[in-house]
Amino acid sequence: MMRRSYFNIRSDLRGVPLEGFVILYRVAGDRIEIMRIVSGRRNLGALFSDVDDE
């Protein structure tokens, strides 16, 4: 599975493309937290523009 870092959007954000969608997640300790599942055609930066980097 091809994973990708989205550091330019949020320092802890990672993603996995799957059938035209991107599953956006972050690793939190010993678990994975799914942030959003979005169309791969979306402007991902705009989705997180109102979220502070934690």
PDB file of N, CA and C in Angstrom:
ATOM      1  N   MET A   1       0.845  -1.169   0.000  1.00  0.00           N
ATOM      2  CA  MET A   1       0.000   0.000   0.000  1.00  0.00           C
ATOM      3  C   MET A   1       0.901   1.246   0.000  1.00  0.00           C
ATOM      4  N   MET A   2       0.591   2.209  -0.846  1.00  0.00           N
ATOM      5  CA  MET A   2       1.398   3.411  -0.967  1.00  0.00           C
ATOM      6  C   MET A   2       0.898   4.474   0.016  1.00  0.00           C
ATOM      7  N   ARG A   3       1.739   4.818   0.990  1.00  0.00           N
ATOM      8  CA  ARG A   3       1.394   5.852   1.959  1.00  0.00           C
ATOM      9  C   ARG A   3       2.105   7.139   1.584  1.00  0.00           C
ATOM     10  N   ARG A   4       1.551   8.241   2.034  1.00  0.00           N
ATOM     11  CA  ARG A   4       2.136   9.536   1.716  1.00  0.00           C
ATOM     12  C   ARG A   4       2.037  10.454   2.927  1.00  0.00           C
ATOM     13  N   SER A   5       3.066  11.270   3.105  1.00  0.00           N
ATOM     14  CA  SER A   5       3.051  12.281   4.155  1.00  0.00           C
ATOM     15  C   SER A   5       2.426  13.553   3.585  1.00  0.00           C
ATOM     16  N   TYR A   6       1.630  14.228   4.369  1.00  0.00           N
ATOM     17  CA  TYR A   6       1.034  15.513   3.997  1.00  0.00           C
ATOM     18  C   TYR A   6       1.549  16.578   4.963  1.00  0.00           C
ATOM     19  N   PHE A   7       2.861  16.547   5.186  1.00  0.00           N
ATOM     20  CA  PHE A   7       3.532  17.462   6.109  1.00  0.00           C
ATOM     21  C   PHE A   7       3.268  18.922   5.749  1.00  0.00           C
ATOM     22  N   ASN A   8       3.143  19.218   4.459  1.00  0.00           N
ATOM     23  CA  ASN A   8       2.905  20.600   4.024  1.00  0.00           C
ATOM     24  C   ASN A   8       1.532  21.119   4.457  1.00  0.00           C
ATOM     25  N   ILE A   9       0.600  20.229   4.771  1.00  0.00           N
ATOM     26  CA  ILE A   9      -0.736  20.619   5.225  1.00  0.00           C
ATOM     27  C   ILE A   9      -0.797  20.615   6.755  1.00  0.00           C
ATOM     28  N   ARG A  10      -0.266  19.552   7.343  1.00  0.00           N
ATOM     29  CA  ARG A  10      -0.274  19.378   8.793  1.00  0.00           C
ATOM     30  C   ARG A  10       0.870  18.432   9.136  1.00  0.00           C
ATOM     31  N   SER A  11       1.657  18.763  10.129  1.00  0.00           N
ATOM     32  CA  SER A  11       2.903  18.034  10.395  1.00  0.00           C
ATOM     33  C   SER A  11       2.720  16.540  10.675  1.00  0.00           C
ATOM     34  N   ASP A  12       1.592  16.138  11.231  1.00  0.00           N
ATOM     35  CA  ASP A  12       1.387  14.726  11.572  1.00  0.00           C
ATOM     36  C   ASP A  12       0.441  13.999  10.609  1.00  0.00           C
ATOM     37  N   LEU A  13       0.085  14.627   9.508  1.00  0.00           N
ATOM     38  CA  LEU A  13      -0.916  14.065   8.592  1.00  0.00           C
ATOM     39  C   LEU A  13      -0.281  13.130   7.579  1.00  0.00           C
ATOM     40  N   ARG A  14      -0.896  11.966   7.410  1.00  0.00           N
ATOM     41  CA  ARG A  14      -0.474  10.976   6.421  1.00  0.00           C
ATOM     42  C   ARG A  14      -1.703  10.540   5.653  1.00  0.00           C
ATOM     43  N   GLY A  15      -1.490   9.906   4.513  1.00  0.00           N
ATOM     44  CA  GLY A  15      -2.635   9.483   3.723  1.00  0.00           C
ATOM     45  C   GLY A  15      -2.358   8.245   2.908  1.00  0.00           C
ATOM     46  N   VAL A  16      -3.444   7.552   2.566  1.00  0.00           N
ATOM     47  CA  VAL A  16      -3.381   6.363   1.720  1.00  0.00           C
ATOM     48  C   VAL A  16      -4.428   6.535   0.626  1.00  0.00           C
ATOM     49  N   PRO A  17      -4.016   6.542  -0.650  1.00  0.00           N
ATOM     50  CA  PRO A  17      -4.999   6.609  -1.732  1.00  0.00           C
ATOM     51  C   PRO A  17      -5.675   5.247  -1.914  1.00  0.00           C
ATOM     52  N   LEU A  18      -6.979   5.269  -2.156  1.00  0.00           N
ATOM     53  CA  LEU A  18      -7.726   4.029  -2.331  1.00  0.00           C
ATOM     54  C   LEU A  18      -8.931   4.283  -3.221  1.00  0.00           C
ATOM     55  N   GLU A  19      -8.887   3.767  -4.430  1.00  0.00           N
ATOM     56  CA  GLU A  19     -10.007   3.828  -5.373  1.00  0.00           C
ATOM     57  C   GLU A  19     -10.590   5.227  -5.531  1.00  0.00           C
ATOM     58  N   GLY A  20      -9.741   6.226  -5.780  1.00  0.00           N
ATOM     59  CA  GLY A  20     -10.208   7.582  -6.015  1.00  0.00           C
ATOM     60  C   GLY A  20     -10.416   8.414  -4.767  1.00  0.00           C
ATOM     61  N   PHE A  21     -10.166   7.841  -3.618  1.00  0.00           N
ATOM     62  CA  PHE A  21     -10.291   8.549  -2.353  1.00  0.00           C
ATOM     63  C   PHE A  21      -8.937   8.586  -1.658  1.00  0.00           C
ATOM     64  N   VAL A  22      -8.816   9.452  -0.668  1.00  0.00           N
ATOM     65  CA  VAL A  22      -7.624   9.489   0.168  1.00  0.00           C
ATOM     66  C   VAL A  22      -8.085   9.344   1.609  1.00  0.00           C
ATOM     67  N   ILE A  23      -7.531   8.356   2.302  1.00  0.00           N
ATOM     68  CA  ILE A  23      -7.812   8.167   3.720  1.00  0.00           C
ATOM     69  C   ILE A  23      -6.725   8.931   4.466  1.00  0.00           C
ATOM     70  N   LEU A  24      -7.111  10.009   5.119  1.00  0.00           N
ATOM     71  CA  LEU A  24      -6.168  10.863   5.841  1.00  0.00           C
ATOM     72  C   LEU A  24      -6.168  10.460   7.308  1.00  0.00           C
ATOM     73  N   TYR A  25      -4.979  10.234   7.849  1.00  0.00           N
ATOM     74  CA  TYR A  25      -4.873   9.758   9.229  1.00  0.00           C
ATOM     75  C   TYR A  25      -3.636  10.323   9.890  1.00  0.00           C
ATOM     76  N   ARG A  26      -3.546  10.121  11.197  1.00  0.00           N
ATOM     77  CA  ARG A  26      -2.329  10.451  11.939  1.00  0.00           C
ATOM     78  C   ARG A  26      -2.080   9.340  12.946  1.00  0.00           C
ATOM     79  N   VAL A  27      -0.823   9.167  13.275  1.00  0.00           N
ATOM     80  CA  VAL A  27      -0.433   8.175  14.265  1.00  0.00           C
ATOM     81  C   VAL A  27      -0.393   8.890  15.607  1.00  0.00           C
ATOM     82  N   ALA A  28      -1.118   8.358  16.571  1.00  0.00           N
ATOM     83  CA  ALA A  28      -1.200   8.953  17.912  1.00  0.00           C
ATOM     84  C   ALA A  28      -0.800   7.881  18.927  1.00  0.00           C
ATOM     85  N   GLY A  29       0.457   7.898  19.297  1.00  0.00           N
ATOM     86  CA  GLY A  29       0.947   6.884  20.235  1.00  0.00           C
ATOM     87  C   GLY A  29       0.947   5.516  19.593  1.00  0.00           C
ATOM     88  N   ASP A  30       0.177   4.604  20.152  1.00  0.00           N
ATOM     89  CA  ASP A  30       0.112   3.241  19.616  1.00  0.00           C
ATOM     90  C   ASP A  30      -1.157   2.987  18.806  1.00  0.00           C
ATOM     91  N   ARG A  31      -1.803   4.054  18.354  1.00  0.00           N
ATOM     92  CA  ARG A  31      -3.034   3.902  17.564  1.00  0.00           C
ATOM     93  C   ARG A  31      -2.998   4.801  16.338  1.00  0.00           C
ATOM     94  N   ILE A  32      -3.902   4.547  15.423  1.00  0.00           N
ATOM     95  CA  ILE A  32      -4.062   5.366  14.225  1.00  0.00           C
ATOM     96  C   ILE A  32      -5.414   6.054  14.312  1.00  0.00           C
ATOM     97  N   GLU A  33      -5.422   7.354  14.107  1.00  0.00           N
ATOM     98  CA  GLU A  33      -6.659   8.132  14.157  1.00  0.00           C
ATOM     99  C   GLU A  33      -6.994   8.598  12.739  1.00  0.00           C
ATOM    100  N   ILE A  34      -8.137   8.147  12.221  1.00  0.00           N
ATOM    101  CA  ILE A  34      -8.580   8.553  10.893  1.00  0.00           C
ATOM    102  C   ILE A  34      -9.149   9.959  11.005  1.00  0.00           C
ATOM    103  N   MET A  35      -8.558  10.886  10.255  1.00  0.00           N
ATOM    104  CA  MET A  35      -8.980  12.279  10.300  1.00  0.00           C
ATOM    105  C   MET A  35     -10.154  12.517   9.351  1.00  0.00           C
ATOM    106  N   ARG A  36     -10.001  12.074   8.101  1.00  0.00           N
ATOM    107  CA  ARG A  36     -11.045  12.254   7.086  1.00  0.00           C
ATOM    108  C   ARG A  36     -10.832  11.275   5.954  1.00  0.00           C
ATOM    109  N   ILE A  37     -11.900  10.995   5.236  1.00  0.00           N
ATOM    110  CA  ILE A  37     -11.838  10.240   3.983  1.00  0.00           C
ATOM    111  C   ILE A  37     -12.459  11.148   2.939  1.00  0.00           C
ATOM    112  N   VAL A  38     -11.670  11.497   1.930  1.00  0.00           N
ATOM    113  CA  VAL A  38     -12.118  12.490   0.954  1.00  0.00           C
ATOM    114  C   VAL A  38     -11.822  12.028  -0.468  1.00  0.00           C
ATOM    115  N   SER A  39     -12.494  12.646  -1.403  1.00  0.00           N
ATOM    116  CA  SER A  39     -12.220  12.401  -2.816  1.00  0.00           C
ATOM    117  C   SER A  39     -10.803  12.855  -3.128  1.00  0.00           C
ATOM    118  N   GLY A  40     -10.096  12.107  -3.930  1.00  0.00           N
ATOM    119  CA  GLY A  40      -8.749  12.463  -4.331  1.00  0.00           C
ATOM    120  C   GLY A  40      -8.698  13.716  -5.178  1.00  0.00           C
ATOM    121  N   ARG A  41      -9.830  14.191  -5.643  1.00  0.00           N
ATOM    122  CA  ARG A  41      -9.898  15.402  -6.460  1.00  0.00           C
ATOM    123  C   ARG A  41     -10.038  16.677  -5.624  1.00  0.00           C
ATOM    124  N   ARG A  42     -10.261  16.528  -4.329  1.00  0.00           N
ATOM    125  CA  ARG A  42     -10.448  17.688  -3.446  1.00  0.00           C
ATOM    126  C   ARG A  42      -9.141  18.421  -3.216  1.00  0.00           C
ATOM    127  N   ASN A  43      -9.241  19.690  -2.866  1.00  0.00           N
ATOM    128  CA  ASN A  43      -8.099  20.490  -2.461  1.00  0.00           C
ATOM    129  C   ASN A  43      -7.850  20.170  -0.984  1.00  0.00           C
ATOM    130  N   LEU A  44      -6.904  19.305  -0.716  1.00  0.00           N
ATOM    131  CA  LEU A  44      -6.687  18.830   0.653  1.00  0.00           C
ATOM    132  C   LEU A  44      -6.234  19.944   1.589  1.00  0.00           C
ATOM    133  N   GLY A  45      -5.453  20.874   1.091  1.00  0.00           N
ATOM    134  CA  GLY A  45      -5.016  21.997   1.921  1.00  0.00           C
ATOM    135  C   GLY A  45      -6.182  22.816   2.428  1.00  0.00           C
ATOM    136  N   ALA A  46      -7.188  23.007   1.600  1.00  0.00           N
ATOM    137  CA  ALA A  46      -8.363  23.792   1.989  1.00  0.00           C
ATOM    138  C   ALA A  46      -9.177  23.076   3.071  1.00  0.00           C
ATOM    139  N   LEU A  47      -9.165  21.764   3.078  1.00  0.00           N
ATOM    140  CA  LEU A  47      -9.918  21.008   4.086  1.00  0.00           C
ATOM    141  C   LEU A  47      -9.375  21.224   5.495  1.00  0.00           C
ATOM    142  N   PHE A  48      -8.075  21.461   5.594  1.00  0.00           N
ATOM    143  CA  PHE A  48      -7.439  21.599   6.897  1.00  0.00           C
ATOM    144  C   PHE A  48      -7.025  23.029   7.200  1.00  0.00           C
ATOM    145  N   SER A  49      -7.488  23.985   6.426  1.00  0.00           N
ATOM    146  CA  SER A  49      -7.074  25.374   6.627  1.00  0.00           C
ATOM    147  C   SER A  49      -7.567  25.955   7.947  1.00  0.00           C
ATOM    148  N   ASP A  50      -8.644  25.405   8.502  1.00  0.00           N
ATOM    149  CA  ASP A  50      -9.185  25.920   9.769  1.00  0.00           C
ATOM    150  C   ASP A  50      -8.749  25.101  10.976  1.00  0.00           C
ATOM    151  N   VAL A  51      -7.907  24.076  10.765  1.00  0.00           N
ATOM    152  CA  VAL A  51      -7.476  23.200  11.852  1.00  0.00           C
ATOM    153  C   VAL A  51      -6.076  23.604  12.283  1.00  0.00           C
ATOM    154  N   ASP A  52      -5.896  23.843  13.577  1.00  0.00           N
ATOM    155  CA  ASP A  52      -4.582  24.178  14.115  1.00  0.00           C
ATOM    156  C   ASP A  52      -3.723  22.934  14.157  1.00  0.00           C
ATOM    157  N   ASP A  53      -2.446  23.103  13.928  1.00  0.00           N
ATOM    158  CA  ASP A  53      -1.482  22.000  14.023  1.00  0.00           C
ATOM    159  C   ASP A  53      -1.295  21.639  15.482  1.00  0.00           C
ATOM    160  N   GLU A  54      -1.604  20.418  15.856  1.00  0.00           N
ATOM    161  CA  GLU A  54      -1.540  20.005  17.267  1.00  0.00           C
ATOM    162  C   GLU A  54      -0.183  19.477  17.620  1.00  0.00           C
TER     163      GLU A  54
END
